[in-house]
Amino acid sequence: MAPTTELPDDLEAAILDLKRERKALILAHYYQEDAIQDLADVVGDSLALARAAQNADCEVIAFCGVHFMAETAAILNPGRRVVVPDMDAGCSLADGCPADDFAAFTAQHPGAKVLTYINASAEVKAMSDLICTSSNAVKMVESFDGAPLVFAPDRHLARWVSKQTGRDDLIVWPGACVVHEQFSARELARLKVRHPEADVLAHPECDQGVLDQADFVASTTGIIQRAVEFPERTSIVATEEGVFHSIRQQAPNKELIPAPGADESCACSLCPYMRLNNVEKLYLALRDLGPEVTVDPAIAERARLPIERMLELS
């Protein structure tokens, strides 16, 4: 008999009850909807959530993010069950870098080391020498001391890191984030004319035309910290709109404006993958202990080494 999808009247209380019953840890990315962030034990960017997963003391991890993030938690916790609200919550970067194609790409560059952005599948991580996040990518590139280096899968982050490190010889996989690539440099310029006092904050996954107009370029956590540090300034924010919740918790009167896309009708600052998750699905994931994310043990063992090395270097 299939489990019922009937939901309790008080979802928040039911989720907290299930969390205690399952001895679960709820992890949520900053790009999740507000209600999920409020229920989470840890809210953070990819690096913070990887650390939280590594140090988890629980029986179940409920990962509210996208699939590659839950895979990372599963890789770091082989003895624990990792569940997600929606298995279809993927990532354009991970999906755009299939393992077979990436293996063929790296084979064209024998002798090169491989640095992979955490927004990649477990199979691609397993082919890597080191993993990075947007908050530590510069440091991770510098750790290779000039050795030939493949950087995947985000070309915009690679370009930004190249400028920060002076490494103009990176071998770059040509991927991009479906959210950050939609921000329009032309429309941003027009928005700045209307808000000349605004601080423009941008994620390095954005196109160069957007970064050129930014007052501050940083990871998700860095953007939040910058916005909170200057509560009196209006901020135009070129990253997923989920970060607004954390900013407003710390700076309630802060004026926040999403960076525009080329199409005024699009919800460009909302990730279609992250937004597949909701509190109803979180409740069902904890109740039914699924969908469960698992990683082939052989792949997990190979992928764990570059992830753990990143965490040590960070």
C-alpha atoms as a PDB file:
ATOM      1  CA  MET A   1       0.000   0.000   0.000  1.00  0.00           C
ATOM      2  CA  ALA A   2       1.448   3.360  -1.076  1.00  0.00           C
ATOM      3  CA  PRO A   3       2.061   5.912   1.703  1.00  0.00           C
ATOM      4  CA  THR A   4      -0.536   8.650   1.967  1.00  0.00           C
ATOM      5  CA  THR A   5       0.360  12.156   0.840  1.00  0.00           C
ATOM      6  CA  GLU A   6      -2.063  13.721   3.308  1.00  0.00           C
ATOM      7  CA  LEU A   7      -0.359  16.543   5.156  1.00  0.00           C
ATOM      8  CA  PRO A   8      -0.812  17.644   8.788  1.00  0.00           C
ATOM      9  CA  ASP A   9      -2.358  21.025   9.530  1.00  0.00           C
ATOM     10  CA  ASP A  10       0.749  22.282  11.337  1.00  0.00           C
ATOM     11  CA  LEU A  11       3.579  21.331   9.007  1.00  0.00           C
ATOM     12  CA  GLU A  12       6.282  23.125  10.962  1.00  0.00           C
ATOM     13  CA  ALA A  13       5.460  21.307  14.189  1.00  0.00           C
ATOM     14  CA  ALA A  14       5.189  17.995  12.358  1.00  0.00           C
ATOM     15  CA  ILE A  15       8.600  18.467  10.732  1.00  0.00           C
ATOM     16  CA  LEU A  16      10.205  19.289  14.081  1.00  0.00           C
ATOM     17  CA  ASP A  17       8.571  16.213  15.639  1.00  0.00           C
ATOM     18  CA  LEU A  18       9.845  14.013  12.809  1.00  0.00           C
ATOM     19  CA  LYS A  19      13.297  15.533  13.093  1.00  0.00           C
ATOM     20  CA  ARG A  20      13.472  14.473  16.734  1.00  0.00           C
ATOM     21  CA  GLU A  21      11.974  11.052  16.015  1.00  0.00           C
ATOM     22  CA  ARG A  22      14.360  10.353  13.129  1.00  0.00           C
ATOM     23  CA  LYS A  23      17.357  11.901  14.907  1.00  0.00           C
ATOM     24  CA  ALA A  24      17.739  13.985  11.789  1.00  0.00           C
ATOM     25  CA  LEU A  25      19.817  17.020  10.852  1.00  0.00           C
ATOM     26  CA  ILE A  26      18.233  19.472   8.416  1.00  0.00           C
ATOM     27  CA  LEU A  27      20.711  21.274   6.164  1.00  0.00           C
ATOM     28  CA  ALA A  28      19.543  24.066   3.869  1.00  0.00           C
ATOM     29  CA  HIS A  29      21.278  26.192   1.284  1.00  0.00           C
ATOM     30  CA  TYR A  30      20.790  29.962   1.288  1.00  0.00           C
ATOM     31  CA  TYR A  31      18.896  29.576  -2.003  1.00  0.00           C
ATOM     32  CA  GLN A  32      16.031  27.668  -0.395  1.00  0.00           C
ATOM     33  CA  GLU A  33      12.663  29.268   0.300  1.00  0.00           C
ATOM     34  CA  ASP A  34      12.343  31.190   3.566  1.00  0.00           C
ATOM     35  CA  ALA A  35      10.215  28.572   5.334  1.00  0.00           C
ATOM     36  CA  ILE A  36      12.818  25.858   4.794  1.00  0.00           C
ATOM     37  CA  GLN A  37      15.645  28.085   6.008  1.00  0.00           C
ATOM     38  CA  ASP A  38      13.684  28.781   9.188  1.00  0.00           C
ATOM     39  CA  LEU A  39      13.344  25.050   9.888  1.00  0.00           C
ATOM     40  CA  ALA A  40      16.949  24.113   9.174  1.00  0.00           C
ATOM     41  CA  ASP A  41      19.590  23.317  11.782  1.00  0.00           C
ATOM     42  CA  VAL A  42      22.270  24.764   9.507  1.00  0.00           C
ATOM     43  CA  VAL A  43      21.806  27.287   6.694  1.00  0.00           C
ATOM     44  CA  GLY A  44      24.827  28.037   4.575  1.00  0.00           C
ATOM     45  CA  ASP A  45      26.680  28.009   1.291  1.00  0.00           C
ATOM     46  CA  SER A  46      28.246  24.925  -0.261  1.00  0.00           C
ATOM     47  CA  LEU A  47      31.400  25.108   1.863  1.00  0.00           C
ATOM     48  CA  ALA A  48      29.539  25.598   5.149  1.00  0.00           C
ATOM     49  CA  LEU A  49      27.149  22.765   4.355  1.00  0.00           C
ATOM     50  CA  ALA A  50      29.995  20.427   3.390  1.00  0.00           C
ATOM     51  CA  ARG A  51      31.601  21.169   6.752  1.00  0.00           C
ATOM     52  CA  ALA A  52      28.287  20.597   8.548  1.00  0.00           C
ATOM     53  CA  ALA A  53      27.833  17.297   6.735  1.00  0.00           C
ATOM     54  CA  GLN A  54      31.376  16.222   7.607  1.00  0.00           C
ATOM     55  CA  ASN A  55      30.744  16.921  11.295  1.00  0.00           C
ATOM     56  CA  ALA A  56      27.196  15.571  11.397  1.00  0.00           C
ATOM     57  CA  ASP A  57      26.108  13.740  14.548  1.00  0.00           C
ATOM     58  CA  CYS A  58      22.791  12.231  13.517  1.00  0.00           C
ATOM     59  CA  GLU A  59      21.162   9.217  11.902  1.00  0.00           C
ATOM     60  CA  VAL A  60      19.504  11.032   9.011  1.00  0.00           C
ATOM     61  CA  ILE A  61      20.527  14.089   7.003  1.00  0.00           C
ATOM     62  CA  ALA A  62      17.675  15.911   5.289  1.00  0.00           C
ATOM     63  CA  PHE A  63      19.433  17.989   2.645  1.00  0.00           C
ATOM     64  CA  CYS A  64      17.465  20.919   1.274  1.00  0.00           C
ATOM     65  CA  GLY A  65      19.439  22.019  -1.723  1.00  0.00           C
ATOM     66  CA  VAL A  66      20.273  20.433  -5.043  1.00  0.00           C
ATOM     67  CA  HIS A  67      21.330  16.900  -5.873  1.00  0.00           C
ATOM     68  CA  PHE A  68      25.109  17.359  -5.982  1.00  0.00           C
ATOM     69  CA  MET A  69      25.011  18.869  -2.464  1.00  0.00           C
ATOM     70  CA  ALA A  70      23.172  15.839  -1.102  1.00  0.00           C
ATOM     71  CA  GLU A  71      25.674  13.591  -2.853  1.00  0.00           C
ATOM     72  CA  THR A  72      28.493  15.410  -1.074  1.00  0.00           C
ATOM     73  CA  ALA A  73      26.754  14.790   2.257  1.00  0.00           C
ATOM     74  CA  ALA A  74      26.342  11.114   1.391  1.00  0.00           C
ATOM     75  CA  ILE A  75      30.008  10.823   0.381  1.00  0.00           C
ATOM     76  CA  LEU A  76      31.117  12.317   3.704  1.00  0.00           C
ATOM     77  CA  ASN A  77      28.651  10.179   5.708  1.00  0.00           C
ATOM     78  CA  PRO A  78      28.730   6.612   4.361  1.00  0.00           C
ATOM     79  CA  GLY A  79      26.923   5.252   7.407  1.00  0.00           C
ATOM     80  CA  ARG A  80      24.046   7.727   7.420  1.00  0.00           C
ATOM     81  CA  ARG A  81      20.891   8.052   5.380  1.00  0.00           C
ATOM     82  CA  VAL A  82      20.687  11.208   3.257  1.00  0.00           C
ATOM     83  CA  VAL A  83      17.246  12.233   2.010  1.00  0.00           C
ATOM     84  CA  VAL A  84      16.092  15.134  -0.142  1.00  0.00           C
ATOM     85  CA  PRO A  85      12.709  16.790  -0.578  1.00  0.00           C
ATOM     86  CA  ASP A  86      12.816  16.432  -4.385  1.00  0.00           C
ATOM     87  CA  MET A  87      15.175  14.182  -6.343  1.00  0.00           C
ATOM     88  CA  ASP A  88      14.669  16.333  -9.443  1.00  0.00           C
ATOM     89  CA  ALA A  89      16.387  19.310  -7.797  1.00  0.00           C
ATOM     90  CA  GLY A  90      19.453  19.239 -10.016  1.00  0.00           C
ATOM     91  CA  CYS A  91      21.940  21.833 -11.244  1.00  0.00           C
ATOM     92  CA  SER A  92      22.699  23.148 -14.727  1.00  0.00           C
ATOM     93  CA  LEU A  93      26.428  23.068 -13.963  1.00  0.00           C
ATOM     94  CA  ALA A  94      26.404  19.443 -12.855  1.00  0.00           C
ATOM     95  CA  ASP A  95      24.032  18.386 -15.623  1.00  0.00           C
ATOM     96  CA  GLY A  96      26.136  20.195 -18.221  1.00  0.00           C
ATOM     97  CA  CYS A  97      29.283  18.254 -17.324  1.00  0.00           C
ATOM     98  CA  PRO A  98      28.530  14.541 -17.900  1.00  0.00           C
ATOM     99  CA  ALA A  99      31.128  12.181 -16.464  1.00  0.00           C
ATOM    100  CA  ASP A 100      31.944  10.443 -19.764  1.00  0.00           C
ATOM    101  CA  ASP A 101      32.417  13.744 -21.593  1.00  0.00           C
ATOM    102  CA  PHE A 102      34.536  15.099 -18.768  1.00  0.00           C
ATOM    103  CA  ALA A 103      36.736  12.004 -18.792  1.00  0.00           C
ATOM    104  CA  ALA A 104      37.323  12.528 -22.521  1.00  0.00           C
ATOM    105  CA  PHE A 105      38.072  16.213 -21.911  1.00  0.00           C
ATOM    106  CA  THR A 106      40.674  15.558 -19.216  1.00  0.00           C
ATOM    107  CA  ALA A 107      42.249  12.826 -21.356  1.00  0.00           C
ATOM    108  CA  GLN A 108      43.107  15.534 -23.880  1.00  0.00           C
ATOM    109  CA  HIS A 109      45.310  17.173 -21.224  1.00  0.00           C
ATOM    110  CA  PRO A 110      47.585  14.444 -19.856  1.00  0.00           C
ATOM    111  CA  GLY A 111      49.599  15.546 -16.856  1.00  0.00           C
ATOM    112  CA  ALA A 112      47.195  18.348 -15.890  1.00  0.00           C
ATOM    113  CA  LYS A 113      45.729  18.374 -12.411  1.00  0.00           C
ATOM    114  CA  VAL A 114      41.960  18.654 -12.065  1.00  0.00           C
ATOM    115  CA  LEU A 115      40.231  21.209  -9.823  1.00  0.00           C
ATOM    116  CA  THR A 116      36.458  20.801  -9.789  1.00  0.00           C
ATOM    117  CA  TYR A 117      33.916  23.282  -8.503  1.00  0.00           C
ATOM    118  CA  ILE A 118      31.645  21.578  -6.000  1.00  0.00           C
ATOM    119  CA  ASN A 119      28.702  22.067  -8.402  1.00  0.00           C
ATOM    120  CA  ALA A 120      29.445  18.747 -10.107  1.00  0.00           C
ATOM    121  CA  SER A 121      28.329  15.138  -9.907  1.00  0.00           C
ATOM    122  CA  ALA A 122      29.975  12.567  -7.655  1.00  0.00           C
ATOM    123  CA  GLU A 123      31.396  10.860 -10.758  1.00  0.00           C
ATOM    124  CA  VAL A 124      33.149  14.062 -11.859  1.00  0.00           C
ATOM    125  CA  LYS A 125      34.394  14.724  -8.322  1.00  0.00           C
ATOM    126  CA  ALA A 126      35.897  11.233  -8.352  1.00  0.00           C
ATOM    127  CA  MET A 127      38.054  12.229 -11.356  1.00  0.00           C
ATOM    128  CA  SER A 128      39.390  15.298  -9.537  1.00  0.00           C
ATOM    129  CA  ASP A 129      42.508  16.089  -7.548  1.00  0.00           C
ATOM    130  CA  LEU A 130      40.774  18.767  -5.494  1.00  0.00           C
ATOM    131  CA  ILE A 131      37.321  20.337  -5.054  1.00  0.00           C
ATOM    132  CA  CYS A 132      36.592  24.029  -4.529  1.00  0.00           C
ATOM    133  CA  THR A 133      33.675  26.308  -3.768  1.00  0.00           C
ATOM    134  CA  SER A 134      33.238  29.919  -4.839  1.00  0.00           C
ATOM    135  CA  SER A 135      34.443  31.062  -1.412  1.00  0.00           C
ATOM    136  CA  ASN A 136      37.758  29.175  -1.562  1.00  0.00           C
ATOM    137  CA  ALA A 137      38.398  28.749  -5.319  1.00  0.00           C
ATOM    138  CA  VAL A 138      41.244  31.270  -5.381  1.00  0.00           C
ATOM    139  CA  LYS A 139      43.017  29.534  -2.517  1.00  0.00           C
ATOM    140  CA  MET A 140      42.520  26.113  -4.088  1.00  0.00           C
ATOM    141  CA  VAL A 141      43.974  27.259  -7.434  1.00  0.00           C
ATOM    142  CA  GLU A 142      46.967  28.781  -5.647  1.00  0.00           C
ATOM    143  CA  SER A 143      47.600  25.465  -3.873  1.00  0.00           C
ATOM    144  CA  PHE A 144      48.693  23.926  -7.198  1.00  0.00           C
ATOM    145  CA  ASP A 145      51.734  26.272  -7.462  1.00  0.00           C
ATOM    146  CA  GLY A 146      51.372  26.900 -11.189  1.00  0.00           C
ATOM    147  CA  ALA A 147      50.970  23.270 -12.292  1.00  0.00           C
ATOM    148  CA  PRO A 148      48.868  22.709 -15.458  1.00  0.00           C
ATOM    149  CA  LEU A 149      45.273  22.796 -14.234  1.00  0.00           C
ATOM    150  CA  VAL A 150      41.855  21.836 -15.554  1.00  0.00           C
ATOM    151  CA  PHE A 151      39.055  23.906 -13.976  1.00  0.00           C
ATOM    152  CA  ALA A 152      35.461  22.712 -14.246  1.00  0.00           C
ATOM    153  CA  PRO A 153      32.580  23.144 -14.719  1.00  0.00           C
ATOM    154  CA  ASP A 154      31.872  26.931 -14.497  1.00  0.00           C
ATOM    155  CA  ARG A 155      33.625  29.109 -17.064  1.00  0.00           C
ATOM    156  CA  HIS A 156      32.588  32.388 -15.415  1.00  0.00           C
ATOM    157  CA  LEU A 157      34.008  31.381 -12.042  1.00  0.00           C
ATOM    158  CA  ALA A 158      37.134  30.157 -13.829  1.00  0.00           C
ATOM    159  CA  ARG A 159      37.567  33.525 -15.540  1.00  0.00           C
ATOM    160  CA  TRP A 160      37.170  35.410 -12.261  1.00  0.00           C
ATOM    161  CA  VAL A 161      39.602  33.098 -10.445  1.00  0.00           C
ATOM    162  CA  SER A 162      42.055  33.463 -13.316  1.00  0.00           C
ATOM    163  CA  LYS A 163      42.056  37.235 -12.843  1.00  0.00           C
ATOM    164  CA  GLN A 164      42.422  36.964  -9.070  1.00  0.00           C
ATOM    165  CA  THR A 165      45.346  34.547  -9.256  1.00  0.00           C
ATOM    166  CA  GLY A 166      47.062  35.707 -12.451  1.00  0.00           C
ATOM    167  CA  ARG A 167      46.586  32.195 -13.857  1.00  0.00           C
ATOM    168  CA  ASP A 168      45.655  32.845 -17.491  1.00  0.00           C
ATOM    169  CA  ASP A 169      46.501  29.264 -18.471  1.00  0.00           C
ATOM    170  CA  LEU A 170      43.599  27.438 -16.821  1.00  0.00           C
ATOM    171  CA  ILE A 171      42.071  24.706 -18.987  1.00  0.00           C
ATOM    172  CA  VAL A 172      38.376  25.490 -18.631  1.00  0.00           C
ATOM    173  CA  TRP A 173      35.291  23.331 -19.111  1.00  0.00           C
ATOM    174  CA  PRO A 174      32.685  25.621 -20.756  1.00  0.00           C
ATOM    175  CA  GLY A 175      29.777  25.336 -18.280  1.00  0.00           C
ATOM    176  CA  ALA A 176      27.542  27.990 -16.735  1.00  0.00           C
ATOM    177  CA  CYS A 177      24.870  28.447 -14.068  1.00  0.00           C
ATOM    178  CA  VAL A 178      21.380  28.884 -15.498  1.00  0.00           C
ATOM    179  CA  VAL A 179      20.585  31.546 -12.856  1.00  0.00           C
ATOM    180  CA  HIS A 180      23.723  33.660 -12.742  1.00  0.00           C
ATOM    181  CA  GLU A 181      24.177  33.712 -16.511  1.00  0.00           C
ATOM    182  CA  GLN A 182      20.737  35.300 -16.975  1.00  0.00           C
ATOM    183  CA  PHE A 183      21.645  38.556 -15.229  1.00  0.00           C
ATOM    184  CA  SER A 184      21.928  41.245 -17.877  1.00  0.00           C
ATOM    185  CA  ALA A 185      24.821  43.719 -17.916  1.00  0.00           C
ATOM    186  CA  ARG A 186      22.786  46.155 -20.035  1.00  0.00           C
ATOM    187  CA  GLU A 187      19.745  46.080 -17.736  1.00  0.00           C
ATOM    188  CA  LEU A 188      21.973  46.318 -14.676  1.00  0.00           C
ATOM    189  CA  ALA A 189      23.514  49.508 -16.076  1.00  0.00           C
ATOM    190  CA  ARG A 190      20.038  50.976 -16.491  1.00  0.00           C
ATOM    191  CA  LEU A 191      19.076  49.959 -12.955  1.00  0.00           C
ATOM    192  CA  LYS A 192      22.208  51.639 -11.566  1.00  0.00           C
ATOM    193  CA  VAL A 193      21.164  54.907 -13.211  1.00  0.00           C
ATOM    194  CA  ARG A 194      17.912  54.746 -11.205  1.00  0.00           C
ATOM    195  CA  HIS A 195      19.766  53.800  -8.004  1.00  0.00           C
ATOM    196  CA  PRO A 196      23.144  55.596  -8.138  1.00  0.00           C
ATOM    197  CA  GLU A 197      23.611  55.132  -4.389  1.00  0.00           C
ATOM    198  CA  ALA A 198      23.286  51.336  -4.551  1.00  0.00           C
ATOM    199  CA  ASP A 199      26.027  48.858  -3.760  1.00  0.00           C
ATOM    200  CA  VAL A 200      26.145  46.192  -6.511  1.00  0.00           C
ATOM    201  CA  LEU A 201      26.975  42.752  -5.113  1.00  0.00           C
ATOM    202  CA  ALA A 202      27.637  39.908  -7.538  1.00  0.00           C
ATOM    203  CA  HIS A 203      28.487  36.225  -7.448  1.00  0.00           C
ATOM    204  CA  PRO A 204      31.536  35.225  -9.539  1.00  0.00           C
ATOM    205  CA  GLU A 205      29.353  32.829 -11.573  1.00  0.00           C
ATOM    206  CA  CYS A 206      27.941  35.929 -13.316  1.00  0.00           C
ATOM    207  CA  ASP A 207      28.970  37.098 -16.770  1.00  0.00           C
ATOM    208  CA  GLN A 208      31.957  39.443 -16.950  1.00  0.00           C
ATOM    209  CA  GLY A 209      29.766  42.376 -18.022  1.00  0.00           C
ATOM    210  CA  VAL A 210      27.908  42.090 -14.706  1.00  0.00           C
ATOM    211  CA  LEU A 211      31.081  41.660 -12.638  1.00  0.00           C
ATOM    212  CA  ASP A 212      32.600  44.738 -14.266  1.00  0.00           C
ATOM    213  CA  GLN A 213      29.792  46.831 -12.760  1.00  0.00           C
ATOM    214  CA  ALA A 214      29.913  45.256  -9.307  1.00  0.00           C
ATOM    215  CA  ASP A 215      31.226  47.030  -6.226  1.00  0.00           C
ATOM    216  CA  PHE A 216      31.819  43.683  -4.564  1.00  0.00           C
ATOM    217  CA  VAL A 217      32.234  40.155  -5.966  1.00  0.00           C
ATOM    218  CA  ALA A 218      32.064  37.220  -3.574  1.00  0.00           C
ATOM    219  CA  SER A 219      30.519  33.897  -2.707  1.00  0.00           C
ATOM    220  CA  THR A 220      26.989  33.662  -1.357  1.00  0.00           C
ATOM    221  CA  THR A 221      28.200  34.030   2.212  1.00  0.00           C
ATOM    222  CA  GLY A 222      30.404  36.962   1.254  1.00  0.00           C
ATOM    223  CA  ILE A 223      27.495  38.734  -0.408  1.00  0.00           C
ATOM    224  CA  ILE A 224      25.347  38.314   2.705  1.00  0.00           C
ATOM    225  CA  GLN A 225      28.112  39.599   4.967  1.00  0.00           C
ATOM    226  CA  ARG A 226      28.713  42.642   2.751  1.00  0.00           C
ATOM    227  CA  ALA A 227      24.999  43.523   2.631  1.00  0.00           C
ATOM    228  CA  VAL A 228      24.692  43.252   6.409  1.00  0.00           C
ATOM    229  CA  GLU A 229      27.884  45.242   6.989  1.00  0.00           C
ATOM    230  CA  PHE A 230      26.355  48.295   5.258  1.00  0.00           C
ATOM    231  CA  PRO A 231      22.667  48.228   6.289  1.00  0.00           C
ATOM    232  CA  GLU A 232      22.135  51.849   5.323  1.00  0.00           C
ATOM    233  CA  ARG A 233      23.019  51.226   1.674  1.00  0.00           C
ATOM    234  CA  THR A 234      20.654  49.872  -0.958  1.00  0.00           C
ATOM    235  CA  SER A 235      22.062  46.666  -2.434  1.00  0.00           C
ATOM    236  CA  ILE A 236      21.505  45.394  -5.963  1.00  0.00           C
ATOM    237  CA  VAL A 237      22.161  41.671  -5.649  1.00  0.00           C
ATOM    238  CA  ALA A 238      23.247  39.454  -8.539  1.00  0.00           C
ATOM    239  CA  THR A 239      22.699  36.018  -7.104  1.00  0.00           C
ATOM    240  CA  GLU A 240      19.756  33.802  -6.158  1.00  0.00           C
ATOM    241  CA  GLU A 241      17.105  35.727  -4.248  1.00  0.00           C
ATOM    242  CA  GLY A 242      17.056  33.236  -1.377  1.00  0.00           C
ATOM    243  CA  VAL A 243      19.933  35.161   0.222  1.00  0.00           C
ATOM    244  CA  PHE A 244      17.522  38.022   0.944  1.00  0.00           C
ATOM    245  CA  HIS A 245      16.026  36.086   3.860  1.00  0.00           C
ATOM    246  CA  SER A 246      19.303  35.837   5.763  1.00  0.00           C
ATOM    247  CA  ILE A 247      20.164  39.463   5.008  1.00  0.00           C
ATOM    248  CA  ARG A 248      16.797  40.703   6.258  1.00  0.00           C
ATOM    249  CA  GLN A 249      17.089  38.667   9.439  1.00  0.00           C
ATOM    250  CA  GLN A 250      20.292  40.549  10.255  1.00  0.00           C
ATOM    251  CA  ALA A 251      19.435  43.930   8.669  1.00  0.00           C
ATOM    252  CA  PRO A 252      15.618  44.206   8.712  1.00  0.00           C
ATOM    253  CA  ASN A 253      15.469  47.669   7.149  1.00  0.00           C
ATOM    254  CA  LYS A 254      17.891  46.931   4.347  1.00  0.00           C
ATOM    255  CA  GLU A 255      16.633  47.742   0.834  1.00  0.00           C
ATOM    256  CA  LEU A 256      17.406  44.867  -1.520  1.00  0.00           C
ATOM    257  CA  ILE A 257      16.911  44.860  -5.281  1.00  0.00           C
ATOM    258  CA  PRO A 258      17.371  41.728  -7.424  1.00  0.00           C
ATOM    259  CA  ALA A 259      19.684  42.227 -10.372  1.00  0.00           C
ATOM    260  CA  PRO A 260      17.665  42.217 -13.605  1.00  0.00           C
ATOM    261  CA  GLY A 261      17.661  39.785 -16.483  1.00  0.00           C
ATOM    262  CA  ALA A 262      17.302  40.673 -20.142  1.00  0.00           C
ATOM    263  CA  ASP A 263      13.637  39.635 -20.032  1.00  0.00           C
ATOM    264  CA  GLU A 264      11.643  41.729 -17.557  1.00  0.00           C
ATOM    265  CA  SER A 265       8.989  38.991 -17.250  1.00  0.00           C
ATOM    266  CA  CYS A 266      11.384  36.291 -16.037  1.00  0.00           C
ATOM    267  CA  ALA A 267      12.037  35.372 -12.416  1.00  0.00           C
ATOM    268  CA  CYS A 268      15.742  35.424 -13.213  1.00  0.00           C
ATOM    269  CA  SER A 269      16.948  35.486  -9.615  1.00  0.00           C
ATOM    270  CA  LEU A 270      15.064  32.317  -8.632  1.00  0.00           C
ATOM    271  CA  CYS A 271      16.758  28.968  -9.268  1.00  0.00           C
ATOM    272  CA  PRO A 272      14.206  26.604 -10.830  1.00  0.00           C
ATOM    273  CA  TYR A 273      16.013  23.619  -9.316  1.00  0.00           C
ATOM    274  CA  MET A 274      16.369  24.943  -5.766  1.00  0.00           C
ATOM    275  CA  ARG A 275      12.729  26.020  -5.802  1.00  0.00           C
ATOM    276  CA  LEU A 276      11.499  22.474  -6.435  1.00  0.00           C
ATOM    277  CA  ASN A 277      11.974  21.922  -2.707  1.00  0.00           C
ATOM    278  CA  ASN A 278       9.287  23.083  -0.271  1.00  0.00           C
ATOM    279  CA  VAL A 279       8.196  22.380   3.296  1.00  0.00           C
ATOM    280  CA  GLU A 280       5.550  19.894   2.184  1.00  0.00           C
ATOM    281  CA  LYS A 281       8.174  17.785   0.420  1.00  0.00           C
ATOM    282  CA  LEU A 282      10.541  18.154   3.380  1.00  0.00           C
ATOM    283  CA  TYR A 283       7.851  16.731   5.651  1.00  0.00           C
ATOM    284  CA  LEU A 284       7.298  13.760   3.331  1.00  0.00           C
ATOM    285  CA  ALA A 285      11.057  13.144   3.030  1.00  0.00           C
ATOM    286  CA  LEU A 286      11.390  12.912   6.809  1.00  0.00           C
ATOM    287  CA  ARG A 287       8.227  10.872   7.183  1.00  0.00           C
ATOM    288  CA  ASP A 288       9.048   8.363   4.437  1.00  0.00           C
ATOM    289  CA  LEU A 289      12.856   8.572   4.677  1.00  0.00           C
ATOM    290  CA  GLY A 290      13.035   9.194   0.981  1.00  0.00           C
ATOM    291  CA  PRO A 291      13.863  10.030  -1.708  1.00  0.00           C
ATOM    292  CA  GLU A 292      17.251   8.785  -0.543  1.00  0.00           C
ATOM    293  CA  VAL A 293      20.483   9.875  -2.195  1.00  0.00           C
ATOM    294  CA  THR A 294      23.103   7.157  -2.501  1.00  0.00           C
ATOM    295  CA  VAL A 295      26.495   7.102  -4.203  1.00  0.00           C
ATOM    296  CA  ASP A 296      28.243   4.004  -5.532  1.00  0.00           C
ATOM    297  CA  PRO A 297      30.811   3.078  -2.852  1.00  0.00           C
ATOM    298  CA  ALA A 298      33.719   2.941  -5.304  1.00  0.00           C
ATOM    299  CA  ILE A 299      32.883   6.395  -6.681  1.00  0.00           C
ATOM    300  CA  ALA A 300      32.264   7.749  -3.189  1.00  0.00           C
ATOM    301  CA  GLU A 301      35.664   6.567  -1.982  1.00  0.00           C
ATOM    302  CA  ARG A 302      37.470   8.308  -4.845  1.00  0.00           C
ATOM    303  CA  ALA A 303      35.370  11.474  -4.514  1.00  0.00           C
ATOM    304  CA  ARG A 304      35.840  11.694  -0.755  1.00  0.00           C
ATOM    305  CA  LEU A 305      39.588  12.300  -1.017  1.00  0.00           C
ATOM    306  CA  PRO A 306      39.473  15.613  -2.979  1.00  0.00           C
ATOM    307  CA  ILE A 307      36.525  16.835  -0.885  1.00  0.00           C
ATOM    308  CA  GLU A 308      38.317  16.132   2.378  1.00  0.00           C
ATOM    309  CA  ARG A 309      41.486  17.733   1.036  1.00  0.00           C
ATOM    310  CA  MET A 310      39.513  20.869   0.237  1.00  0.00           C
ATOM    311  CA  LEU A 311      38.091  20.968   3.751  1.00  0.00           C
ATOM    312  CA  GLU A 312      41.583  20.549   5.216  1.00  0.00           C
ATOM    313  CA  LEU A 313      43.024  23.340   3.052  1.00  0.00           C
ATOM    314  CA  SER A 314      40.079  25.603   3.888  1.00  0.00           C
END
